[in-house]
Amino acid sequence: MGLLDKFKKKKEDLVDDELMKDLGVPDLPPAPKPPKPSQTVAPKPKTAPKNSSRFPAPKIPAKLPVPVSKPVAKKPAQLSEKQVAKLPLFMKVENYQKVVGELKTLVDSLNNIGSTLNEMSKLEHEHEEALGRWRQQLDITKDQVHKLLSDMPETGRLKALVSAKKKTKKQEKIQKDLVDLKKGMSTTEKKDSTLVQKEIKDMRSGITNLHDEMNRLHLEMKTLNNLTQLSSAQVVGGIKEKAKIAKPAAIPLPSSKKPALKKSKAKPL
């Protein structure tokens, strides 16, 4: 019997007893045989005579056979995994070479997968190492930046001293500005007082000149008024003389009808 003939066997050809013997399972006890039915026939009950009594006598039941209990078959013990693994494997293979080639291909694929997983593990390890180096460099950079910030006068421990110095300089500058402002104000006040006095003198001289000019104008107006009055009197006198020459003698009129002469006022030129 060759190897192929062994695989060509069917599973149905294997006897259960042989499998049990290979596994070492003890045989089940034989089932008890049922008892044979009794060949004796029970005697018939005697019948009472017809005229013996009014009521019939009760029938005596015949002795029935005792029922035989059927034996309970025990279930075979469940096989463990080790016992199942010991069972011979029978399979039907039509193309043995094809199966062997597929198994070889499967083995090669598994080897390729293993090498790929190894490469992936190596890459992951390198990636973790690179991340560790980056984290270490980041920590170093953070420490350097914090140290730089602590040493800088604008952000570190010297910030308070620098701010105090700046504040002192600012106060000194303000005091200096105040002193300069006071000096400037005193100089300005002196200049302003001199200018005011000069302006007052100029105003006084201007007022004096204006007063003299007004007096002069007043004298001119007075002279002009006198001249106007004189010229008007001369004109009135000439008119009166011309009237006396041209008109006849005046007839005296009653006092009530004397015309009132209007005084002419000389208009100022």
C-alpha atoms as a PDB file:
ATOM      1  CA  MET A   1       0.000   0.000   0.000  1.00  0.00           C
ATOM      2  CA  GLY A   2       1.532   3.255  -1.129  1.00  0.00           C
ATOM      3  CA  LEU A   3       1.183   6.776   0.298  1.00  0.00           C
ATOM      4  CA  LEU A   4      -1.359   7.784  -2.345  1.00  0.00           C
ATOM      5  CA  ASP A   5      -3.463   4.684  -1.647  1.00  0.00           C
ATOM      6  CA  LYS A   6      -3.562   5.646   1.994  1.00  0.00           C
ATOM      7  CA  PHE A   7      -4.879   9.133   1.133  1.00  0.00           C
ATOM      8  CA  LYS A   8      -7.378   7.685  -1.338  1.00  0.00           C
ATOM      9  CA  LYS A   9      -9.243   5.881   1.434  1.00  0.00           C
ATOM     10  CA  LYS A  10     -12.595   7.256   2.347  1.00  0.00           C
ATOM     11  CA  LYS A  11     -13.569   8.298   5.793  1.00  0.00           C
ATOM     12  CA  GLU A  12     -16.508   5.884   5.760  1.00  0.00           C
ATOM     13  CA  ASP A  13     -14.112   2.903   5.478  1.00  0.00           C
ATOM     14  CA  LEU A  14     -12.826   3.481   8.979  1.00  0.00           C
ATOM     15  CA  VAL A  15     -14.577   1.414  11.618  1.00  0.00           C
ATOM     16  CA  ASP A  16     -15.673   3.102  14.809  1.00  0.00           C
ATOM     17  CA  ASP A  17     -14.340   0.234  16.912  1.00  0.00           C
ATOM     18  CA  GLU A  18     -10.840   0.672  15.509  1.00  0.00           C
ATOM     19  CA  LEU A  19     -10.941   4.397  16.276  1.00  0.00           C
ATOM     20  CA  MET A  20     -12.034   3.705  19.833  1.00  0.00           C
ATOM     21  CA  LYS A  21      -9.277   1.120  20.276  1.00  0.00           C
ATOM     22  CA  ASP A  22      -6.669   3.592  18.963  1.00  0.00           C
ATOM     23  CA  LEU A  23      -7.854   6.199  21.442  1.00  0.00           C
ATOM     24  CA  GLY A  24      -7.949   3.770  24.324  1.00  0.00           C
ATOM     25  CA  VAL A  25     -11.627   4.321  25.077  1.00  0.00           C
ATOM     26  CA  PRO A  26     -13.097   1.409  27.112  1.00  0.00           C
ATOM     27  CA  ASP A  27     -15.902  -0.615  25.530  1.00  0.00           C
ATOM     28  CA  LEU A  28     -19.447   0.018  26.621  1.00  0.00           C
ATOM     29  CA  PRO A  29     -21.146  -2.748  28.644  1.00  0.00           C
ATOM     30  CA  PRO A  30     -23.632  -4.851  26.647  1.00  0.00           C
ATOM     31  CA  ALA A  31     -27.242  -3.882  26.934  1.00  0.00           C
ATOM     32  CA  PRO A  32     -29.392  -6.300  28.982  1.00  0.00           C
ATOM     33  CA  LYS A  33     -31.739  -8.472  26.954  1.00  0.00           C
ATOM     34  CA  PRO A  34     -35.461  -8.006  27.566  1.00  0.00           C
ATOM     35  CA  PRO A  35     -37.216 -11.026  29.192  1.00  0.00           C
ATOM     36  CA  LYS A  36     -39.315 -13.223  26.981  1.00  0.00           C
ATOM     37  CA  PRO A  37     -43.080 -13.080  27.424  1.00  0.00           C
ATOM     38  CA  SER A  38     -44.530 -15.847  29.641  1.00  0.00           C
ATOM     39  CA  GLN A  39     -45.969 -18.841  27.809  1.00  0.00           C
ATOM     40  CA  THR A  40     -48.424 -19.700  30.569  1.00  0.00           C
ATOM     41  CA  VAL A  41     -51.919 -18.498  29.927  1.00  0.00           C
ATOM     42  CA  ALA A  42     -53.857 -17.174  32.839  1.00  0.00           C
ATOM     43  CA  PRO A  43     -56.900 -19.332  33.697  1.00  0.00           C
ATOM     44  CA  LYS A  44     -60.243 -17.951  32.790  1.00  0.00           C
ATOM     45  CA  PRO A  45     -62.392 -16.839  35.687  1.00  0.00           C
ATOM     46  CA  LYS A  46     -65.212 -19.106  36.623  1.00  0.00           C
ATOM     47  CA  THR A  47     -68.647 -17.918  35.723  1.00  0.00           C
ATOM     48  CA  ALA A  48     -71.283 -17.966  38.405  1.00  0.00           C
ATOM     49  CA  PRO A  49     -74.446 -19.915  37.795  1.00  0.00           C
ATOM     50  CA  LYS A  50     -77.263 -17.993  36.268  1.00  0.00           C
ATOM     51  CA  ASN A  51     -79.753 -18.511  39.048  1.00  0.00           C
ATOM     52  CA  SER A  52     -77.333 -18.198  41.956  1.00  0.00           C
ATOM     53  CA  SER A  53     -77.957 -14.535  42.753  1.00  0.00           C
ATOM     54  CA  ARG A  54     -79.646 -11.473  41.488  1.00  0.00           C
ATOM     55  CA  PHE A  55     -76.423  -9.484  40.983  1.00  0.00           C
ATOM     56  CA  PRO A  56     -73.449 -10.856  39.024  1.00  0.00           C
ATOM     57  CA  ALA A  57     -70.225 -11.561  40.897  1.00  0.00           C
ATOM     58  CA  PRO A  58     -67.288  -9.199  40.199  1.00  0.00           C
ATOM     59  CA  LYS A  59     -64.674 -10.343  37.746  1.00  0.00           C
ATOM     60  CA  ILE A  60     -61.230 -11.095  39.088  1.00  0.00           C
ATOM     61  CA  PRO A  61     -58.600  -9.497  36.852  1.00  0.00           C
ATOM     62  CA  ALA A  62     -56.014 -11.795  35.452  1.00  0.00           C
ATOM     63  CA  LYS A  63     -52.397 -11.329  36.505  1.00  0.00           C
ATOM     64  CA  LEU A  64     -50.750  -8.985  33.998  1.00  0.00           C
ATOM     65  CA  PRO A  65     -47.056  -9.294  33.079  1.00  0.00           C
ATOM     66  CA  VAL A  66     -44.713  -6.807  34.715  1.00  0.00           C
ATOM     67  CA  PRO A  67     -43.421  -4.231  32.147  1.00  0.00           C
ATOM     68  CA  VAL A  68     -39.740  -4.517  31.450  1.00  0.00           C
ATOM     69  CA  SER A  69     -37.733  -1.267  31.757  1.00  0.00           C
ATOM     70  CA  LYS A  70     -35.519  -0.485  28.772  1.00  0.00           C
ATOM     71  CA  PRO A  71     -31.833  -0.108  29.543  1.00  0.00           C
ATOM     72  CA  VAL A  72     -30.517   3.458  29.198  1.00  0.00           C
ATOM     73  CA  ALA A  73     -27.590   3.620  26.810  1.00  0.00           C
ATOM     74  CA  LYS A  74     -24.687   5.659  28.167  1.00  0.00           C
ATOM     75  CA  LYS A  75     -23.327   8.469  26.007  1.00  0.00           C
ATOM     76  CA  PRO A  76     -19.759   7.981  24.865  1.00  0.00           C
ATOM     77  CA  ALA A  77     -17.221  10.153  26.660  1.00  0.00           C
ATOM     78  CA  GLN A  78     -16.360  13.420  24.861  1.00  0.00           C
ATOM     79  CA  LEU A  79     -12.920  13.365  23.322  1.00  0.00           C
ATOM     80  CA  SER A  80     -10.337  15.909  24.416  1.00  0.00           C
ATOM     81  CA  GLU A  81      -8.290  18.014  22.011  1.00  0.00           C
ATOM     82  CA  LYS A  82      -5.213  15.856  22.448  1.00  0.00           C
ATOM     83  CA  GLN A  83      -7.220  12.723  21.680  1.00  0.00           C
ATOM     84  CA  VAL A  84      -8.732  14.376  18.607  1.00  0.00           C
ATOM     85  CA  ALA A  85      -5.250  15.391  17.442  1.00  0.00           C
ATOM     86  CA  LYS A  86      -4.160  11.738  17.615  1.00  0.00           C
ATOM     87  CA  LEU A  87      -6.865  10.687  15.176  1.00  0.00           C
ATOM     88  CA  PRO A  88      -5.537   9.800  11.719  1.00  0.00           C
ATOM     89  CA  LEU A  89      -6.369  12.338   9.020  1.00  0.00           C
ATOM     90  CA  PHE A  90      -7.824  10.865   5.850  1.00  0.00           C
ATOM     91  CA  MET A  91      -8.476  13.132   2.936  1.00  0.00           C
ATOM     92  CA  LYS A  92      -9.088  12.679  -0.727  1.00  0.00           C
ATOM     93  CA  VAL A  93      -6.385  14.294  -2.892  1.00  0.00           C
ATOM     94  CA  GLU A  94      -6.893  14.326  -6.615  1.00  0.00           C
ATOM     95  CA  ASN A  95      -3.981  16.532  -7.608  1.00  0.00           C
ATOM     96  CA  TYR A  96      -1.233  15.911  -5.102  1.00  0.00           C
ATOM     97  CA  GLN A  97       1.402  17.908  -6.966  1.00  0.00           C
ATOM     98  CA  LYS A  98      -0.909  20.904  -7.189  1.00  0.00           C
ATOM     99  CA  VAL A  99      -1.505  20.822  -3.447  1.00  0.00           C
ATOM    100  CA  VAL A 100       2.225  20.538  -2.772  1.00  0.00           C
ATOM    101  CA  GLY A 101       2.880  23.538  -5.072  1.00  0.00           C
ATOM    102  CA  GLU A 102       0.224  25.576  -3.336  1.00  0.00           C
ATOM    103  CA  LEU A 103       1.715  24.677   0.040  1.00  0.00           C
ATOM    104  CA  LYS A 104       5.117  25.798  -1.195  1.00  0.00           C
ATOM    105  CA  THR A 105       3.628  29.059  -2.431  1.00  0.00           C
ATOM    106  CA  LEU A 106       1.928  29.493   0.938  1.00  0.00           C
ATOM    107  CA  VAL A 107       5.221  28.898   2.746  1.00  0.00           C
ATOM    108  CA  ASP A 108       6.971  31.440   0.520  1.00  0.00           C
ATOM    109  CA  SER A 109       4.194  33.958   1.171  1.00  0.00           C
ATOM    110  CA  LEU A 110       4.483  33.403   4.898  1.00  0.00           C
ATOM    111  CA  ASN A 111       8.234  33.917   4.697  1.00  0.00           C
ATOM    112  CA  ASN A 112       7.715  37.136   2.730  1.00  0.00           C
ATOM    113  CA  ILE A 113       5.177  38.333   5.274  1.00  0.00           C
ATOM    114  CA  GLY A 114       7.604  37.556   8.080  1.00  0.00           C
ATOM    115  CA  SER A 115      10.411  39.487   6.384  1.00  0.00           C
ATOM    116  CA  THR A 116       8.031  42.383   5.731  1.00  0.00           C
ATOM    117  CA  LEU A 117       6.998  42.411   9.374  1.00  0.00           C
ATOM    118  CA  ASN A 118      10.649  42.387  10.391  1.00  0.00           C
ATOM    119  CA  GLU A 119      11.340  45.352   8.109  1.00  0.00           C
ATOM    120  CA  MET A 120       8.312  47.173   9.515  1.00  0.00           C
ATOM    121  CA  SER A 121       9.492  46.488  13.054  1.00  0.00           C
ATOM    122  CA  LYS A 122      12.949  47.781  12.137  1.00  0.00           C
ATOM    123  CA  LEU A 123      11.473  50.938  10.580  1.00  0.00           C
ATOM    124  CA  GLU A 124       9.245  51.454  13.602  1.00  0.00           C
ATOM    125  CA  HIS A 125      12.249  51.087  15.903  1.00  0.00           C
ATOM    126  CA  GLU A 126      14.215  53.612  13.845  1.00  0.00           C
ATOM    127  CA  HIS A 127      11.213  55.943  13.857  1.00  0.00           C
ATOM    128  CA  GLU A 128      10.951  55.726  17.636  1.00  0.00           C
ATOM    129  CA  GLU A 129      14.682  56.418  17.964  1.00  0.00           C
ATOM    130  CA  ALA A 130      14.333  59.472  15.683  1.00  0.00           C
ATOM    131  CA  LEU A 131      11.384  60.715  17.725  1.00  0.00           C
ATOM    132  CA  GLY A 132      13.407  60.259  20.897  1.00  0.00           C
ATOM    133  CA  ARG A 133      16.272  62.298  19.436  1.00  0.00           C
ATOM    134  CA  TRP A 134      13.843  65.022  18.350  1.00  0.00           C
ATOM    135  CA  ARG A 135      12.272  65.127  21.811  1.00  0.00           C
ATOM    136  CA  GLN A 136      15.715  65.380  23.408  1.00  0.00           C
ATOM    137  CA  GLN A 137      16.691  68.206  21.057  1.00  0.00           C
ATOM    138  CA  LEU A 138      13.387  69.952  21.773  1.00  0.00           C
ATOM    139  CA  ASP A 139      14.033  69.777  25.526  1.00  0.00           C
ATOM    140  CA  ILE A 140      17.539  71.197  25.037  1.00  0.00           C
ATOM    141  CA  THR A 141      16.164  74.043  22.904  1.00  0.00           C
ATOM    142  CA  LYS A 142      13.486  74.811  25.496  1.00  0.00           C
ATOM    143  CA  ASP A 143      16.106  74.979  28.248  1.00  0.00           C
ATOM    144  CA  GLN A 144      18.256  77.320  26.176  1.00  0.00           C
ATOM    145  CA  VAL A 145      15.309  79.596  25.392  1.00  0.00           C
ATOM    146  CA  HIS A 146      14.256  79.736  29.054  1.00  0.00           C
ATOM    147  CA  LYS A 147      17.819  80.527  30.079  1.00  0.00           C
ATOM    148  CA  LEU A 148      18.028  83.259  27.449  1.00  0.00           C
ATOM    149  CA  LEU A 149      14.749  84.761  28.612  1.00  0.00           C
ATOM    150  CA  SER A 150      15.908  84.669  32.221  1.00  0.00           C
ATOM    151  CA  ASP A 151      19.154  86.453  31.300  1.00  0.00           C
ATOM    152  CA  MET A 152      17.530  89.143  29.131  1.00  0.00           C
ATOM    153  CA  PRO A 153      16.938  92.473  30.941  1.00  0.00           C
ATOM    154  CA  GLU A 154      13.496  92.892  29.396  1.00  0.00           C
ATOM    155  CA  THR A 155      12.102  89.524  30.493  1.00  0.00           C
ATOM    156  CA  GLY A 156      14.400  87.982  33.110  1.00  0.00           C
ATOM    157  CA  ARG A 157      15.402  88.678  36.682  1.00  0.00           C
ATOM    158  CA  LEU A 158      17.008  92.014  35.694  1.00  0.00           C
ATOM    159  CA  LYS A 159      13.658  93.320  34.503  1.00  0.00           C
ATOM    160  CA  ALA A 160      12.851  94.909  37.879  1.00  0.00           C
ATOM    161  CA  LEU A 161      16.246  96.626  38.064  1.00  0.00           C
ATOM    162  CA  VAL A 162      15.965  97.919  34.528  1.00  0.00           C
ATOM    163  CA  SER A 163      12.441  99.202  35.135  1.00  0.00           C
ATOM    164  CA  ALA A 164      13.604 100.926  38.360  1.00  0.00           C
ATOM    165  CA  LYS A 165      16.489 102.582  36.505  1.00  0.00           C
ATOM    166  CA  LYS A 166      14.161 103.715  33.758  1.00  0.00           C
ATOM    167  CA  LYS A 167      11.763 105.104  36.334  1.00  0.00           C
ATOM    168  CA  THR A 168      14.591 107.000  38.081  1.00  0.00           C
ATOM    169  CA  LYS A 169      15.811 108.425  34.787  1.00  0.00           C
ATOM    170  CA  LYS A 170      12.289 109.456  33.917  1.00  0.00           C
ATOM    171  CA  GLN A 171      11.868 111.239  37.262  1.00  0.00           C
ATOM    172  CA  GLU A 172      15.200 113.020  36.817  1.00  0.00           C
ATOM    173  CA  LYS A 173      14.159 114.107  33.350  1.00  0.00           C
ATOM    174  CA  ILE A 174      10.841 115.400  34.680  1.00  0.00           C
ATOM    175  CA  GLN A 175      12.623 117.380  37.411  1.00  0.00           C
ATOM    176  CA  LYS A 176      15.024 118.820  34.862  1.00  0.00           C
ATOM    177  CA  ASP A 177      12.128 119.788  32.622  1.00  0.00           C
ATOM    178  CA  LEU A 178      10.424 121.475  35.582  1.00  0.00           C
ATOM    179  CA  VAL A 179      13.565 123.483  36.389  1.00  0.00           C
ATOM    180  CA  ASP A 180      13.931 124.521  32.754  1.00  0.00           C
ATOM    181  CA  LEU A 181      10.267 125.452  32.659  1.00  0.00           C
ATOM    182  CA  LYS A 182      10.600 127.604  35.770  1.00  0.00           C
ATOM    183  CA  LYS A 183      13.635 129.361  34.287  1.00  0.00           C
ATOM    184  CA  GLY A 184      11.809 129.933  31.055  1.00  0.00           C
ATOM    185  CA  MET A 185       8.767 131.256  32.899  1.00  0.00           C
ATOM    186  CA  SER A 186      10.884 133.736  34.881  1.00  0.00           C
ATOM    187  CA  THR A 187      12.622 134.930  31.711  1.00  0.00           C
ATOM    188  CA  THR A 188       9.284 135.180  29.946  1.00  0.00           C
ATOM    189  CA  GLU A 189       7.811 137.129  32.831  1.00  0.00           C
ATOM    190  CA  LYS A 190      10.697 139.588  32.694  1.00  0.00           C
ATOM    191  CA  LYS A 191      10.321 139.939  28.960  1.00  0.00           C
ATOM    192  CA  ASP A 192       6.566 140.313  29.290  1.00  0.00           C
ATOM    193  CA  SER A 193       6.850 143.012  31.958  1.00  0.00           C
ATOM    194  CA  THR A 194       9.312 144.998  29.806  1.00  0.00           C
ATOM    195  CA  LEU A 195       7.047 144.670  26.807  1.00  0.00           C
ATOM    196  CA  VAL A 196       3.995 145.698  28.823  1.00  0.00           C
ATOM    197  CA  GLN A 197       5.738 148.765  30.160  1.00  0.00           C
ATOM    198  CA  LYS A 198       6.847 149.700  26.668  1.00  0.00           C
ATOM    199  CA  GLU A 199       3.344 149.183  25.338  1.00  0.00           C
ATOM    200  CA  ILE A 200       1.916 151.303  28.151  1.00  0.00           C
ATOM    201  CA  LYS A 201       4.328 154.106  27.305  1.00  0.00           C
ATOM    202  CA  ASP A 202       3.406 153.834  23.659  1.00  0.00           C
ATOM    203  CA  MET A 203      -0.281 153.927  24.569  1.00  0.00           C
ATOM    204  CA  ARG A 204       0.240 156.980  26.752  1.00  0.00           C
ATOM    205  CA  SER A 205       2.114 158.799  24.005  1.00  0.00           C
ATOM    206  CA  GLY A 206      -0.588 157.813  21.580  1.00  0.00           C
ATOM    207  CA  ILE A 207      -3.286 159.100  23.910  1.00  0.00           C
ATOM    208  CA  THR A 208      -1.383 162.397  24.320  1.00  0.00           C
ATOM    209  CA  ASN A 209      -1.042 162.765  20.592  1.00  0.00           C
ATOM    210  CA  LEU A 210      -4.728 161.977  20.160  1.00  0.00           C
ATOM    211  CA  HIS A 211      -5.662 164.578  22.772  1.00  0.00           C
ATOM    212  CA  ASP A 212      -3.555 167.195  21.018  1.00  0.00           C
ATOM    213  CA  GLU A 213      -5.139 166.297  17.721  1.00  0.00           C
ATOM    214  CA  MET A 214      -8.610 166.599  19.191  1.00  0.00           C
ATOM    215  CA  ASN A 215      -7.756 170.029  20.618  1.00  0.00           C
ATOM    216  CA  ARG A 216      -6.498 171.077  17.243  1.00  0.00           C
ATOM    217  CA  LEU A 217      -9.635 169.866  15.570  1.00  0.00           C
ATOM    218  CA  HIS A 218     -11.751 171.663  18.157  1.00  0.00           C
ATOM    219  CA  LEU A 219      -9.941 174.949  17.467  1.00  0.00           C
ATOM    220  CA  GLU A 220     -10.368 174.458  13.763  1.00  0.00           C
ATOM    221  CA  MET A 221     -14.081 173.803  14.206  1.00  0.00           C
ATOM    222  CA  LYS A 222     -14.434 176.888  16.390  1.00  0.00           C
ATOM    223  CA  THR A 223     -12.634 179.067  13.840  1.00  0.00           C
ATOM    224  CA  LEU A 224     -14.762 177.636  11.065  1.00  0.00           C
ATOM    225  CA  ASN A 225     -17.923 178.379  13.019  1.00  0.00           C
ATOM    226  CA  ASN A 226     -16.873 181.974  13.591  1.00  0.00           C
ATOM    227  CA  LEU A 227     -16.126 182.415   9.948  1.00  0.00           C
ATOM    228  CA  THR A 228     -19.470 180.971   9.029  1.00  0.00           C
ATOM    229  CA  GLN A 229     -21.340 183.271  11.361  1.00  0.00           C
ATOM    230  CA  LEU A 230     -19.434 186.294  10.032  1.00  0.00           C
ATOM    231  CA  SER A 231     -20.131 185.446   6.427  1.00  0.00           C
ATOM    232  CA  SER A 232     -23.786 184.816   7.125  1.00  0.00           C
ATOM    233  CA  ALA A 233     -24.110 188.188   8.885  1.00  0.00           C
ATOM    234  CA  GLN A 234     -22.510 189.930   5.970  1.00  0.00           C
ATOM    235  CA  VAL A 235     -24.853 188.249   3.544  1.00  0.00           C
ATOM    236  CA  VAL A 236     -27.903 189.179   5.619  1.00  0.00           C
ATOM    237  CA  GLY A 237     -26.744 192.791   5.886  1.00  0.00           C
ATOM    238  CA  GLY A 238     -26.266 193.079   2.129  1.00  0.00           C
ATOM    239  CA  ILE A 239     -29.707 191.660   1.508  1.00  0.00           C
ATOM    240  CA  LYS A 240     -31.290 194.107   3.874  1.00  0.00           C
ATOM    241  CA  GLU A 241     -29.577 197.058   2.215  1.00  0.00           C
ATOM    242  CA  LYS A 242     -30.742 195.900  -1.210  1.00  0.00           C
ATOM    243  CA  ALA A 243     -34.276 195.621   0.101  1.00  0.00           C
ATOM    244  CA  LYS A 244     -34.295 199.102   1.463  1.00  0.00           C
ATOM    245  CA  ILE A 245     -33.222 200.538  -1.858  1.00  0.00           C
ATOM    246  CA  ALA A 246     -35.647 198.596  -4.002  1.00  0.00           C
ATOM    247  CA  LYS A 247     -38.841 198.855  -1.877  1.00  0.00           C
ATOM    248  CA  PRO A 248     -40.920 201.975  -0.993  1.00  0.00           C
ATOM    249  CA  ALA A 249     -41.203 203.294   2.465  1.00  0.00           C
ATOM    250  CA  ALA A 250     -42.762 200.891   4.717  1.00  0.00           C
ATOM    251  CA  ILE A 251     -46.292 201.620   5.897  1.00  0.00           C
ATOM    252  CA  PRO A 252     -46.706 201.119   9.564  1.00  0.00           C
ATOM    253  CA  LEU A 253     -49.055 198.312  10.199  1.00  0.00           C
ATOM    254  CA  PRO A 254     -51.004 197.598  13.260  1.00  0.00           C
ATOM    255  CA  SER A 255     -49.138 195.870  15.952  1.00  0.00           C
ATOM    256  CA  SER A 256     -51.292 192.843  15.712  1.00  0.00           C
ATOM    257  CA  LYS A 257     -50.505 192.388  12.048  1.00  0.00           C
ATOM    258  CA  LYS A 258     -46.770 192.892  12.125  1.00  0.00           C
ATOM    259  CA  PRO A 259     -45.087 189.988  10.411  1.00  0.00           C
ATOM    260  CA  ALA A 260     -42.696 188.011  12.530  1.00  0.00           C
ATOM    261  CA  LEU A 261     -39.241 187.921  11.088  1.00  0.00           C
ATOM    262  CA  LYS A 262     -37.631 184.530  11.077  1.00  0.00           C
ATOM    263  CA  LYS A 263     -34.072 184.376  12.185  1.00  0.00           C
ATOM    264  CA  SER A 264     -31.904 182.558   9.709  1.00  0.00           C
ATOM    265  CA  LYS A 265     -29.446 180.200  11.152  1.00  0.00           C
ATOM    266  CA  ALA A 266     -26.154 179.714   9.456  1.00  0.00           C
ATOM    267  CA  LYS A 267     -25.547 176.133   8.449  1.00  0.00           C
ATOM    268  CA  PRO A 268     -22.142 174.849   9.396  1.00  0.00           C
ATOM    269  CA  LEU A 269     -19.930 174.071   6.476  1.00  0.00           C
END
